[in-house]
């Protein structure tokens, strides 16, 4: 069992951070493994996996590099740097600018650091073909390709899912404390008490985080890892909760559609987890104006409320809205 010793000041200063690079890296890991955790991810893989495999077939050195970097139990550290900023650019929607800044850190990693990180991930010496100075550039180029081709076109929706997860977890933190907020964040992670945060079920030496900055970084693919920069910053990258990441359509109870109208009922039904207007537009297929009018009526009827997360506004069902939807589902 691996755990981190975390004091009260570190917990008080911890924060959730949006990292476009982490999202791209998690997507790269999903492409490399070729397996999906839920139907929407399967559809994404079907759309992008053939091009990914063609790219690596044309560049076998980079293909071998990525296989080495994502070792069986550890990632090459240079590929998963701890986020440096507060994620403000990404929350504001400027994922491209935030991604470029993060990617630059990967690209300028010294060759000797890359080689050492890969050897650690592999648990042994590097293949001779990887004894070259351009591996950081190759890894950064591939991450940029994944971001541009497979993540950026969907970044608005992904950012909305991430924001919803942050809002849900901070609400749980305020209501029930850290043990509840960290529950189910990643496999093997739980609050042990006494300032001890179990971060993995695998055996790792304990780490003292007093005085360090602790970051929590949600991503939409079902991937997870840990990152730290010496004693200064530590990060837990974790997958958004299943219902949020799936972001699929929830069946609308027929009686609820009759009562509220099918469009408005669809919006209310989808708010089982907080969502932005952009997400609701994408999920319902309705226009922005229609979704906005539905939300206004639902708010006026005290069935929905809203809350700001970063620079976005997320909508969620009130207790009255929950009761109404539950009654129609089980009526």
C-alpha atoms as a PDB file:
ATOM      1  CA  UNK A   1       0.000   0.000   0.000  1.00  0.00           C
ATOM      2  CA  UNK A   2       1.328   3.454  -0.921  1.00  0.00           C
ATOM      3  CA  UNK A   3       0.288   6.549   0.996  1.00  0.00           C
ATOM      4  CA  UNK A   4       1.091  10.233   1.329  1.00  0.00           C
ATOM      5  CA  UNK A   5       1.340  12.076   4.648  1.00  0.00           C
ATOM      6  CA  UNK A   6      -0.715  15.236   4.259  1.00  0.00           C
ATOM      7  CA  UNK A   7      -1.039  17.924   6.929  1.00  0.00           C
ATOM      8  CA  UNK A   8      -3.950  20.330   7.428  1.00  0.00           C
ATOM      9  CA  UNK A   9      -2.234  23.216   5.625  1.00  0.00           C
ATOM     10  CA  UNK A  10      -1.584  21.084   2.535  1.00  0.00           C
ATOM     11  CA  UNK A  11      -5.218  19.944   2.454  1.00  0.00           C
ATOM     12  CA  UNK A  12      -6.463  23.498   2.924  1.00  0.00           C
ATOM     13  CA  UNK A  13      -4.319  24.699   0.017  1.00  0.00           C
ATOM     14  CA  UNK A  14      -5.134  21.839  -2.334  1.00  0.00           C
ATOM     15  CA  UNK A  15      -7.194  22.531  -5.434  1.00  0.00           C
ATOM     16  CA  UNK A  16      -8.736  21.018  -8.529  1.00  0.00           C
ATOM     17  CA  UNK A  17      -6.965  21.910 -11.774  1.00  0.00           C
ATOM     18  CA  UNK A  18      -7.919  21.532 -15.439  1.00  0.00           C
ATOM     19  CA  UNK A  19      -5.000  20.269 -17.537  1.00  0.00           C
ATOM     20  CA  UNK A  20      -5.413  19.961 -21.316  1.00  0.00           C
ATOM     21  CA  UNK A  21      -2.089  18.108 -21.422  1.00  0.00           C
ATOM     22  CA  UNK A  22      -3.366  15.538 -18.921  1.00  0.00           C
ATOM     23  CA  UNK A  23      -6.514  15.137 -21.049  1.00  0.00           C
ATOM     24  CA  UNK A  24      -4.378  14.587 -24.165  1.00  0.00           C
ATOM     25  CA  UNK A  25      -2.085  12.163 -22.327  1.00  0.00           C
ATOM     26  CA  UNK A  26      -5.052  10.183 -20.989  1.00  0.00           C
ATOM     27  CA  UNK A  27      -6.442  10.053 -24.535  1.00  0.00           C
ATOM     28  CA  UNK A  28      -3.062   8.884 -25.841  1.00  0.00           C
ATOM     29  CA  UNK A  29      -2.993   6.115 -23.223  1.00  0.00           C
ATOM     30  CA  UNK A  30      -6.493   5.057 -24.308  1.00  0.00           C
ATOM     31  CA  UNK A  31      -5.445   4.975 -27.969  1.00  0.00           C
ATOM     32  CA  UNK A  32      -2.317   3.000 -27.133  1.00  0.00           C
ATOM     33  CA  UNK A  33      -4.253   0.416 -25.140  1.00  0.00           C
ATOM     34  CA  UNK A  34      -7.089   0.294 -27.656  1.00  0.00           C
ATOM     35  CA  UNK A  35      -9.756  -0.581 -25.084  1.00  0.00           C
ATOM     36  CA  UNK A  36     -12.805   1.443 -24.079  1.00  0.00           C
ATOM     37  CA  UNK A  37     -14.347   1.836 -20.633  1.00  0.00           C
ATOM     38  CA  UNK A  38     -17.828   2.852 -21.813  1.00  0.00           C
ATOM     39  CA  UNK A  39     -19.799   3.097 -25.092  1.00  0.00           C
ATOM     40  CA  UNK A  40     -19.026   6.751 -25.856  1.00  0.00           C
ATOM     41  CA  UNK A  41     -15.312   6.045 -25.480  1.00  0.00           C
ATOM     42  CA  UNK A  42     -15.717   3.046 -27.812  1.00  0.00           C
ATOM     43  CA  UNK A  43     -17.205   5.337 -30.447  1.00  0.00           C
ATOM     44  CA  UNK A  44     -14.299   7.769 -29.985  1.00  0.00           C
ATOM     45  CA  UNK A  45     -11.789   4.941 -30.381  1.00  0.00           C
ATOM     46  CA  UNK A  46     -13.498   3.681 -33.526  1.00  0.00           C
ATOM     47  CA  UNK A  47     -13.188   7.172 -34.993  1.00  0.00           C
ATOM     48  CA  UNK A  48      -9.523   7.794 -34.148  1.00  0.00           C
ATOM     49  CA  UNK A  49      -7.726   4.474 -33.569  1.00  0.00           C
ATOM     50  CA  UNK A  50      -7.130   3.629 -37.266  1.00  0.00           C
ATOM     51  CA  UNK A  51      -5.380   6.954 -37.912  1.00  0.00           C
ATOM     52  CA  UNK A  52      -3.338   6.564 -34.717  1.00  0.00           C
ATOM     53  CA  UNK A  53      -2.147   3.115 -35.715  1.00  0.00           C
ATOM     54  CA  UNK A  54      -1.305   4.323 -39.227  1.00  0.00           C
ATOM     55  CA  UNK A  55       0.760   7.160 -37.771  1.00  0.00           C
ATOM     56  CA  UNK A  56       2.808   4.847 -35.572  1.00  0.00           C
ATOM     57  CA  UNK A  57       3.203   2.332 -38.388  1.00  0.00           C
ATOM     58  CA  UNK A  58       4.886   5.141 -40.350  1.00  0.00           C
ATOM     59  CA  UNK A  59       7.030   6.066 -37.323  1.00  0.00           C
ATOM     60  CA  UNK A  60       8.143   2.864 -35.539  1.00  0.00           C
ATOM     61  CA  UNK A  61      10.641   4.687 -33.301  1.00  0.00           C
ATOM     62  CA  UNK A  62       7.864   6.773 -31.761  1.00  0.00           C
ATOM     63  CA  UNK A  63       5.708   3.667 -31.501  1.00  0.00           C
ATOM     64  CA  UNK A  64       8.384   1.899 -29.464  1.00  0.00           C
ATOM     65  CA  UNK A  65       8.922   5.054 -27.402  1.00  0.00           C
ATOM     66  CA  UNK A  66       5.258   5.177 -26.378  1.00  0.00           C
ATOM     67  CA  UNK A  67       5.168   1.479 -25.504  1.00  0.00           C
ATOM     68  CA  UNK A  68       8.185   2.032 -23.257  1.00  0.00           C
ATOM     69  CA  UNK A  69       6.798   5.238 -21.747  1.00  0.00           C
ATOM     70  CA  UNK A  70       3.568   3.591 -20.610  1.00  0.00           C
ATOM     71  CA  UNK A  71       5.178   0.723 -18.724  1.00  0.00           C
ATOM     72  CA  UNK A  72       3.179  -1.994 -17.023  1.00  0.00           C
ATOM     73  CA  UNK A  73       3.054  -0.220 -13.648  1.00  0.00           C
ATOM     74  CA  UNK A  74       4.621   3.216 -14.105  1.00  0.00           C
ATOM     75  CA  UNK A  75       4.543   6.042 -16.653  1.00  0.00           C
ATOM     76  CA  UNK A  76       7.682   7.768 -17.869  1.00  0.00           C
ATOM     77  CA  UNK A  77       7.686  10.843 -15.628  1.00  0.00           C
ATOM     78  CA  UNK A  78       8.625  13.351 -18.331  1.00  0.00           C
ATOM     79  CA  UNK A  79       5.332  12.604 -20.130  1.00  0.00           C
ATOM     80  CA  UNK A  80       3.212  13.338 -17.061  1.00  0.00           C
ATOM     81  CA  UNK A  81       4.482  16.583 -15.504  1.00  0.00           C
ATOM     82  CA  UNK A  82       2.616  18.064 -12.569  1.00  0.00           C
ATOM     83  CA  UNK A  83       0.434  20.967 -13.783  1.00  0.00           C
ATOM     84  CA  UNK A  84       2.207  24.239 -13.141  1.00  0.00           C
ATOM     85  CA  UNK A  85      -0.653  26.748 -13.200  1.00  0.00           C
ATOM     86  CA  UNK A  86      -4.146  27.103 -11.785  1.00  0.00           C
ATOM     87  CA  UNK A  87      -5.914  25.952 -14.937  1.00  0.00           C
ATOM     88  CA  UNK A  88      -7.562  29.345 -15.478  1.00  0.00           C
ATOM     89  CA  UNK A  89      -6.935  29.357 -19.239  1.00  0.00           C
ATOM     90  CA  UNK A  90      -8.465  25.906 -19.600  1.00  0.00           C
ATOM     91  CA  UNK A  91     -11.508  26.792 -17.478  1.00  0.00           C
ATOM     92  CA  UNK A  92     -11.981  29.893 -19.596  1.00  0.00           C
ATOM     93  CA  UNK A  93     -12.144  27.783 -22.720  1.00  0.00           C
ATOM     94  CA  UNK A  94      -8.662  28.612 -24.020  1.00  0.00           C
ATOM     95  CA  UNK A  95      -7.520  25.011 -23.927  1.00  0.00           C
ATOM     96  CA  UNK A  96      -5.115  25.541 -26.830  1.00  0.00           C
ATOM     97  CA  UNK A  97      -3.039  28.158 -25.049  1.00  0.00           C
ATOM     98  CA  UNK A  98      -2.909  26.120 -21.834  1.00  0.00           C
ATOM     99  CA  UNK A  99      -1.987  22.980 -23.781  1.00  0.00           C
ATOM    100  CA  UNK A 100       0.849  24.720 -25.629  1.00  0.00           C
ATOM    101  CA  UNK A 101       2.368  25.936 -22.367  1.00  0.00           C
ATOM    102  CA  UNK A 102       2.207  22.485 -20.784  1.00  0.00           C
ATOM    103  CA  UNK A 103       3.509  20.718 -23.886  1.00  0.00           C
ATOM    104  CA  UNK A 104       6.569  22.983 -23.983  1.00  0.00           C
ATOM    105  CA  UNK A 105       7.691  21.441 -20.687  1.00  0.00           C
ATOM    106  CA  UNK A 106       7.611  17.959 -22.238  1.00  0.00           C
ATOM    107  CA  UNK A 107       9.399  19.116 -25.386  1.00  0.00           C
ATOM    108  CA  UNK A 108      12.363  20.669 -23.543  1.00  0.00           C
ATOM    109  CA  UNK A 109      13.071  17.639 -21.302  1.00  0.00           C
ATOM    110  CA  UNK A 110      16.827  16.863 -21.455  1.00  0.00           C
ATOM    111  CA  UNK A 111      17.686  13.590 -23.264  1.00  0.00           C
ATOM    112  CA  UNK A 112      19.347  12.098 -20.190  1.00  0.00           C
ATOM    113  CA  UNK A 113      16.157  12.672 -18.157  1.00  0.00           C
ATOM    114  CA  UNK A 114      14.019  11.065 -20.868  1.00  0.00           C
ATOM    115  CA  UNK A 115      16.307   8.017 -20.976  1.00  0.00           C
ATOM    116  CA  UNK A 116      16.263   7.633 -17.178  1.00  0.00           C
ATOM    117  CA  UNK A 117      12.461   7.977 -17.024  1.00  0.00           C
ATOM    118  CA  UNK A 118      11.972   5.403 -19.772  1.00  0.00           C
ATOM    119  CA  UNK A 119      14.334   2.952 -18.091  1.00  0.00           C
ATOM    120  CA  UNK A 120      12.364   3.331 -14.853  1.00  0.00           C
ATOM    121  CA  UNK A 121       9.060   2.744 -16.668  1.00  0.00           C
ATOM    122  CA  UNK A 122      10.472  -0.320 -18.413  1.00  0.00           C
ATOM    123  CA  UNK A 123      12.160  -1.642 -15.295  1.00  0.00           C
ATOM    124  CA  UNK A 124      15.326  -2.269 -17.265  1.00  0.00           C
ATOM    125  CA  UNK A 125      17.681  -0.901 -19.944  1.00  0.00           C
ATOM    126  CA  UNK A 126      16.381   0.859 -23.036  1.00  0.00           C
ATOM    127  CA  UNK A 127      16.329  -0.859 -26.421  1.00  0.00           C
ATOM    128  CA  UNK A 128      19.227   0.352 -28.555  1.00  0.00           C
ATOM    129  CA  UNK A 129      16.860   2.039 -31.038  1.00  0.00           C
ATOM    130  CA  UNK A 130      15.767   4.448 -28.276  1.00  0.00           C
ATOM    131  CA  UNK A 131      19.309   5.572 -27.471  1.00  0.00           C
ATOM    132  CA  UNK A 132      18.861   8.874 -29.282  1.00  0.00           C
ATOM    133  CA  UNK A 133      18.477  12.557 -28.281  1.00  0.00           C
ATOM    134  CA  UNK A 134      15.173  13.414 -29.981  1.00  0.00           C
ATOM    135  CA  UNK A 135      12.724  11.344 -27.907  1.00  0.00           C
ATOM    136  CA  UNK A 136      11.188  14.307 -26.068  1.00  0.00           C
ATOM    137  CA  UNK A 137      10.467  15.990 -29.401  1.00  0.00           C
ATOM    138  CA  UNK A 138       8.904  12.825 -30.770  1.00  0.00           C
ATOM    139  CA  UNK A 139       6.697  12.368 -27.703  1.00  0.00           C
ATOM    140  CA  UNK A 140       5.616  16.009 -27.786  1.00  0.00           C
ATOM    141  CA  UNK A 141       4.816  15.795 -31.506  1.00  0.00           C
ATOM    142  CA  UNK A 142       2.606  12.762 -30.902  1.00  0.00           C
ATOM    143  CA  UNK A 143       0.818  14.429 -27.985  1.00  0.00           C
ATOM    144  CA  UNK A 144       0.212  17.479 -30.180  1.00  0.00           C
ATOM    145  CA  UNK A 145      -1.183  15.227 -32.911  1.00  0.00           C
ATOM    146  CA  UNK A 146      -3.578  13.557 -30.439  1.00  0.00           C
ATOM    147  CA  UNK A 147      -4.655  16.918 -29.039  1.00  0.00           C
ATOM    148  CA  UNK A 148      -5.264  18.495 -32.449  1.00  0.00           C
ATOM    149  CA  UNK A 149      -6.943  15.511 -34.109  1.00  0.00           C
ATOM    150  CA  UNK A 150      -8.805  13.751 -31.305  1.00  0.00           C
ATOM    151  CA  UNK A 151      -9.245  16.072 -28.300  1.00  0.00           C
ATOM    152  CA  UNK A 152      -9.477  19.723 -29.347  1.00  0.00           C
ATOM    153  CA  UNK A 153     -12.567  19.272 -31.594  1.00  0.00           C
ATOM    154  CA  UNK A 154     -14.388  17.907 -28.512  1.00  0.00           C
ATOM    155  CA  UNK A 155     -12.732  20.122 -25.891  1.00  0.00           C
ATOM    156  CA  UNK A 156     -15.813  22.211 -25.071  1.00  0.00           C
ATOM    157  CA  UNK A 157     -17.817  19.121 -24.103  1.00  0.00           C
ATOM    158  CA  UNK A 158     -14.891  17.538 -22.280  1.00  0.00           C
ATOM    159  CA  UNK A 159     -14.247  20.729 -20.324  1.00  0.00           C
ATOM    160  CA  UNK A 160     -17.906  20.788 -19.317  1.00  0.00           C
ATOM    161  CA  UNK A 161     -17.679  17.202 -18.028  1.00  0.00           C
ATOM    162  CA  UNK A 162     -14.534  18.090 -16.058  1.00  0.00           C
ATOM    163  CA  UNK A 163     -16.150  21.191 -14.575  1.00  0.00           C
ATOM    164  CA  UNK A 164     -19.190  19.162 -13.538  1.00  0.00           C
ATOM    165  CA  UNK A 165     -16.971  16.624 -11.790  1.00  0.00           C
ATOM    166  CA  UNK A 166     -15.108  19.388  -9.933  1.00  0.00           C
ATOM    167  CA  UNK A 167     -18.375  20.969  -8.837  1.00  0.00           C
ATOM    168  CA  UNK A 168     -19.762  17.643  -7.619  1.00  0.00           C
ATOM    169  CA  UNK A 169     -16.628  16.797  -5.640  1.00  0.00           C
ATOM    170  CA  UNK A 170     -16.262  20.234  -4.071  1.00  0.00           C
ATOM    171  CA  UNK A 171     -19.905  20.032  -3.017  1.00  0.00           C
ATOM    172  CA  UNK A 172     -19.219  16.672  -1.355  1.00  0.00           C
ATOM    173  CA  UNK A 173     -16.134  18.135   0.284  1.00  0.00           C
ATOM    174  CA  UNK A 174     -18.156  20.982   1.772  1.00  0.00           C
ATOM    175  CA  UNK A 175     -20.905  18.681   3.001  1.00  0.00           C
ATOM    176  CA  UNK A 176     -19.077  15.532   4.108  1.00  0.00           C
ATOM    177  CA  UNK A 177     -15.333  16.267   4.250  1.00  0.00           C
ATOM    178  CA  UNK A 178     -12.274  14.896   2.517  1.00  0.00           C
ATOM    179  CA  UNK A 179     -13.019  11.212   3.025  1.00  0.00           C
ATOM    180  CA  UNK A 180     -16.222  11.565   0.984  1.00  0.00           C
ATOM    181  CA  UNK A 181     -14.686  13.853  -1.663  1.00  0.00           C
ATOM    182  CA  UNK A 182     -11.814  11.434  -2.317  1.00  0.00           C
ATOM    183  CA  UNK A 183     -13.951   8.303  -2.282  1.00  0.00           C
ATOM    184  CA  UNK A 184     -13.744   6.481  -5.599  1.00  0.00           C
ATOM    185  CA  UNK A 185     -11.454   9.094  -7.154  1.00  0.00           C
ATOM    186  CA  UNK A 186      -9.044   6.439  -8.446  1.00  0.00           C
ATOM    187  CA  UNK A 187      -8.517   2.698  -7.806  1.00  0.00           C
ATOM    188  CA  UNK A 188      -6.874   2.064  -4.445  1.00  0.00           C
ATOM    189  CA  UNK A 189      -7.285   5.641  -3.216  1.00  0.00           C
ATOM    190  CA  UNK A 190      -8.954   6.456   0.091  1.00  0.00           C
ATOM    191  CA  UNK A 191      -8.551   8.626   3.168  1.00  0.00           C
ATOM    192  CA  UNK A 192      -6.995   6.601   6.008  1.00  0.00           C
ATOM    193  CA  UNK A 193      -7.176   9.242   8.714  1.00  0.00           C
ATOM    194  CA  UNK A 194      -4.312  10.592  10.758  1.00  0.00           C
ATOM    195  CA  UNK A 195      -3.204  12.723   7.832  1.00  0.00           C
ATOM    196  CA  UNK A 196      -2.614   9.671   5.637  1.00  0.00           C
ATOM    197  CA  UNK A 197      -3.945   9.584   2.082  1.00  0.00           C
ATOM    198  CA  UNK A 198      -3.705   6.142   0.467  1.00  0.00           C
ATOM    199  CA  UNK A 199      -2.992   6.833  -3.182  1.00  0.00           C
ATOM    200  CA  UNK A 200      -2.534   3.277  -4.487  1.00  0.00           C
ATOM    201  CA  UNK A 201      -3.038  -0.309  -3.394  1.00  0.00           C
ATOM    202  CA  UNK A 202       0.475  -1.121  -4.691  1.00  0.00           C
ATOM    203  CA  UNK A 203       3.457  -1.041  -2.357  1.00  0.00           C
ATOM    204  CA  UNK A 204       5.276   2.292  -2.537  1.00  0.00           C
ATOM    205  CA  UNK A 205       7.308   4.106   0.116  1.00  0.00           C
ATOM    206  CA  UNK A 206       5.297   6.762   1.996  1.00  0.00           C
ATOM    207  CA  UNK A 207       5.826  10.382   0.932  1.00  0.00           C
ATOM    208  CA  UNK A 208       5.707  13.450   3.147  1.00  0.00           C
ATOM    209  CA  UNK A 209       3.675  16.220   1.505  1.00  0.00           C
ATOM    210  CA  UNK A 210       3.717  18.808   4.291  1.00  0.00           C
ATOM    211  CA  UNK A 211       4.469  22.151   2.672  1.00  0.00           C
ATOM    212  CA  UNK A 212       3.857  20.810  -0.830  1.00  0.00           C
ATOM    213  CA  UNK A 213       0.993  21.822  -3.093  1.00  0.00           C
ATOM    214  CA  UNK A 214      -1.540  19.058  -3.685  1.00  0.00           C
ATOM    215  CA  UNK A 215      -3.497  19.108  -6.954  1.00  0.00           C
ATOM    216  CA  UNK A 216      -6.392  16.987  -8.199  1.00  0.00           C
ATOM    217  CA  UNK A 217      -6.641  16.769 -11.994  1.00  0.00           C
ATOM    218  CA  UNK A 218      -9.784  15.208 -13.539  1.00  0.00           C
ATOM    219  CA  UNK A 219      -9.722  13.761 -17.063  1.00  0.00           C
ATOM    220  CA  UNK A 220     -12.593  12.293 -19.087  1.00  0.00           C
ATOM    221  CA  UNK A 221     -10.891   9.041 -20.290  1.00  0.00           C
ATOM    222  CA  UNK A 222     -10.828   6.189 -17.760  1.00  0.00           C
ATOM    223  CA  UNK A 223      -7.129   6.711 -16.958  1.00  0.00           C
ATOM    224  CA  UNK A 224      -5.302   7.630 -13.762  1.00  0.00           C
ATOM    225  CA  UNK A 225      -1.776   8.329 -12.566  1.00  0.00           C
ATOM    226  CA  UNK A 226       0.273  10.230  -9.976  1.00  0.00           C
ATOM    227  CA  UNK A 227       2.770  13.014 -10.585  1.00  0.00           C
ATOM    228  CA  UNK A 228       5.092  15.120  -8.466  1.00  0.00           C
ATOM    229  CA  UNK A 229       7.914  17.615  -8.824  1.00  0.00           C
ATOM    230  CA  UNK A 230      10.373  16.899  -6.008  1.00  0.00           C
ATOM    231  CA  UNK A 231       8.897  18.265  -2.756  1.00  0.00           C
ATOM    232  CA  UNK A 232       7.007  21.184  -4.291  1.00  0.00           C
ATOM    233  CA  UNK A 233       3.899  19.855  -6.033  1.00  0.00           C
ATOM    234  CA  UNK A 234       2.077  16.556  -6.163  1.00  0.00           C
ATOM    235  CA  UNK A 235      -0.899  15.686  -8.338  1.00  0.00           C
ATOM    236  CA  UNK A 236      -3.496  12.960  -8.569  1.00  0.00           C
ATOM    237  CA  UNK A 237      -4.847  12.589 -12.118  1.00  0.00           C
ATOM    238  CA  UNK A 238      -8.147  10.745 -11.941  1.00  0.00           C
ATOM    239  CA  UNK A 239     -11.057   9.846 -14.256  1.00  0.00           C
ATOM    240  CA  UNK A 240     -14.292  11.804 -14.010  1.00  0.00           C
ATOM    241  CA  UNK A 241     -17.058   9.757 -12.468  1.00  0.00           C
ATOM    242  CA  UNK A 242     -18.669   7.235 -14.822  1.00  0.00           C
ATOM    243  CA  UNK A 243     -22.035   8.953 -15.399  1.00  0.00           C
ATOM    244  CA  UNK A 244     -20.293  12.238 -16.198  1.00  0.00           C
ATOM    245  CA  UNK A 245     -17.701  10.725 -18.497  1.00  0.00           C
ATOM    246  CA  UNK A 246     -20.343   8.691 -20.280  1.00  0.00           C
ATOM    247  CA  UNK A 247     -22.441  11.831 -20.759  1.00  0.00           C
ATOM    248  CA  UNK A 248     -24.991   9.716 -22.567  1.00  0.00           C
ATOM    249  CA  UNK A 249     -28.672  10.242 -23.105  1.00  0.00           C
ATOM    250  CA  UNK A 250     -30.926   9.387 -20.178  1.00  0.00           C
ATOM    251  CA  UNK A 251     -34.348   8.050 -21.158  1.00  0.00           C
ATOM    252  CA  UNK A 252     -37.105  10.574 -20.502  1.00  0.00           C
ATOM    253  CA  UNK A 253     -40.077   9.117 -18.587  1.00  0.00           C
ATOM    254  CA  UNK A 254     -43.139   9.323 -20.821  1.00  0.00           C
ATOM    255  CA  UNK A 255     -45.290  10.853 -18.080  1.00  0.00           C
ATOM    256  CA  UNK A 256     -42.672  13.541 -17.413  1.00  0.00           C
ATOM    257  CA  UNK A 257     -42.585  14.414 -21.107  1.00  0.00           C
ATOM    258  CA  UNK A 258     -46.365  14.765 -21.105  1.00  0.00           C
ATOM    259  CA  UNK A 259     -46.255  16.966 -18.008  1.00  0.00           C
ATOM    260  CA  UNK A 260     -43.435  19.330 -18.992  1.00  0.00           C
ATOM    261  CA  UNK A 261     -43.139  18.830 -22.737  1.00  0.00           C
ATOM    262  CA  UNK A 262     -40.536  16.472 -24.225  1.00  0.00           C
ATOM    263  CA  UNK A 263     -37.812  19.086 -24.719  1.00  0.00           C
ATOM    264  CA  UNK A 264     -38.022  20.532 -21.225  1.00  0.00           C
ATOM    265  CA  UNK A 265     -38.331  17.061 -19.687  1.00  0.00           C
ATOM    266  CA  UNK A 266     -35.173  15.971 -21.523  1.00  0.00           C
ATOM    267  CA  UNK A 267     -33.230  18.880 -20.030  1.00  0.00           C
ATOM    268  CA  UNK A 268     -34.466  18.152 -16.512  1.00  0.00           C
ATOM    269  CA  UNK A 269     -33.718  14.435 -16.834  1.00  0.00           C
ATOM    270  CA  UNK A 270     -30.146  15.068 -17.972  1.00  0.00           C
ATOM    271  CA  UNK A 271     -29.404  17.134 -14.878  1.00  0.00           C
ATOM    272  CA  UNK A 272     -28.819  14.093 -12.683  1.00  0.00           C
ATOM    273  CA  UNK A 273     -25.275  15.516 -12.607  1.00  0.00           C
ATOM    274  CA  UNK A 274     -24.376  19.219 -13.049  1.00  0.00           C
ATOM    275  CA  UNK A 275     -24.043  20.238 -16.691  1.00  0.00           C
ATOM    276  CA  UNK A 276     -23.405  23.397 -18.659  1.00  0.00           C
ATOM    277  CA  UNK A 277     -25.691  24.812 -21.323  1.00  0.00           C
ATOM    278  CA  UNK A 278     -23.194  23.661 -23.950  1.00  0.00           C
ATOM    279  CA  UNK A 279     -23.392  20.089 -22.698  1.00  0.00           C
ATOM    280  CA  UNK A 280     -27.187  20.179 -22.668  1.00  0.00           C
ATOM    281  CA  UNK A 281     -27.280  21.473 -26.242  1.00  0.00           C
ATOM    282  CA  UNK A 282     -24.958  18.647 -27.348  1.00  0.00           C
ATOM    283  CA  UNK A 283     -26.853  15.951 -25.484  1.00  0.00           C
ATOM    284  CA  UNK A 284     -30.393  16.987 -26.392  1.00  0.00           C
ATOM    285  CA  UNK A 285     -29.762  18.094 -29.958  1.00  0.00           C
ATOM    286  CA  UNK A 286     -31.854  21.194 -29.227  1.00  0.00           C
ATOM    287  CA  UNK A 287     -30.760  24.715 -30.101  1.00  0.00           C
ATOM    288  CA  UNK A 288     -29.049  27.008 -27.609  1.00  0.00           C
ATOM    289  CA  UNK A 289     -32.087  29.284 -27.434  1.00  0.00           C
ATOM    290  CA  UNK A 290     -34.457  26.390 -26.731  1.00  0.00           C
ATOM    291  CA  UNK A 291     -32.262  24.987 -23.981  1.00  0.00           C
ATOM    292  CA  UNK A 292     -31.935  28.443 -22.443  1.00  0.00           C
ATOM    293  CA  UNK A 293     -35.712  28.920 -22.396  1.00  0.00           C
ATOM    294  CA  UNK A 294     -36.238  25.484 -20.846  1.00  0.00           C
ATOM    295  CA  UNK A 295     -33.700  26.247 -18.129  1.00  0.00           C
ATOM    296  CA  UNK A 296     -35.388  29.563 -17.330  1.00  0.00           C
ATOM    297  CA  UNK A 297     -38.784  27.893 -16.923  1.00  0.00           C
ATOM    298  CA  UNK A 298     -37.294  25.118 -14.796  1.00  0.00           C
ATOM    299  CA  UNK A 299     -35.502  27.661 -12.605  1.00  0.00           C
ATOM    300  CA  UNK A 300     -38.658  29.738 -12.226  1.00  0.00           C
ATOM    301  CA  UNK A 301     -40.419  26.553 -11.124  1.00  0.00           C
ATOM    302  CA  UNK A 302     -37.654  25.819  -8.553  1.00  0.00           C
ATOM    303  CA  UNK A 303     -36.831  22.539 -10.280  1.00  0.00           C
ATOM    304  CA  UNK A 304     -33.317  23.627 -11.298  1.00  0.00           C
ATOM    305  CA  UNK A 305     -30.642  25.879  -9.821  1.00  0.00           C
ATOM    306  CA  UNK A 306     -27.287  27.028 -11.158  1.00  0.00           C
ATOM    307  CA  UNK A 307     -23.799  27.502  -9.769  1.00  0.00           C
ATOM    308  CA  UNK A 308     -20.604  28.949 -11.163  1.00  0.00           C
ATOM    309  CA  UNK A 309     -17.564  26.686 -11.673  1.00  0.00           C
ATOM    310  CA  UNK A 310     -14.552  28.619 -12.906  1.00  0.00           C
ATOM    311  CA  UNK A 311     -15.950  30.817 -15.651  1.00  0.00           C
ATOM    312  CA  UNK A 312     -18.735  28.431 -16.574  1.00  0.00           C
ATOM    313  CA  UNK A 313     -22.250  28.091 -15.179  1.00  0.00           C
ATOM    314  CA  UNK A 314     -23.484  24.610 -14.347  1.00  0.00           C
ATOM    315  CA  UNK A 315     -27.124  23.668 -13.806  1.00  0.00           C
ATOM    316  CA  UNK A 316     -28.362  20.989 -11.433  1.00  0.00           C
ATOM    317  CA  UNK A 317     -31.668  19.665 -10.143  1.00  0.00           C
ATOM    318  CA  UNK A 318     -33.105  20.934  -6.864  1.00  0.00           C
ATOM    319  CA  UNK A 319     -34.676  18.596  -4.346  1.00  0.00           C
ATOM    320  CA  UNK A 320     -38.058  19.367  -5.913  1.00  0.00           C
ATOM    321  CA  UNK A 321     -36.662  18.458  -9.327  1.00  0.00           C
ATOM    322  CA  UNK A 322     -35.244  15.200  -7.980  1.00  0.00           C
ATOM    323  CA  UNK A 323     -38.577  14.282  -6.427  1.00  0.00           C
ATOM    324  CA  UNK A 324     -40.441  15.018  -9.651  1.00  0.00           C
ATOM    325  CA  UNK A 325     -38.120  12.966 -11.872  1.00  0.00           C
ATOM    326  CA  UNK A 326     -37.979  10.073  -9.405  1.00  0.00           C
ATOM    327  CA  UNK A 327     -41.759  10.012  -9.036  1.00  0.00           C
ATOM    328  CA  UNK A 328     -42.245   9.864 -12.814  1.00  0.00           C
ATOM    329  CA  UNK A 329     -39.633   7.125 -13.228  1.00  0.00           C
ATOM    330  CA  UNK A 330     -41.219   4.922 -10.600  1.00  0.00           C
ATOM    331  CA  UNK A 331     -44.821   6.001 -10.971  1.00  0.00           C
END
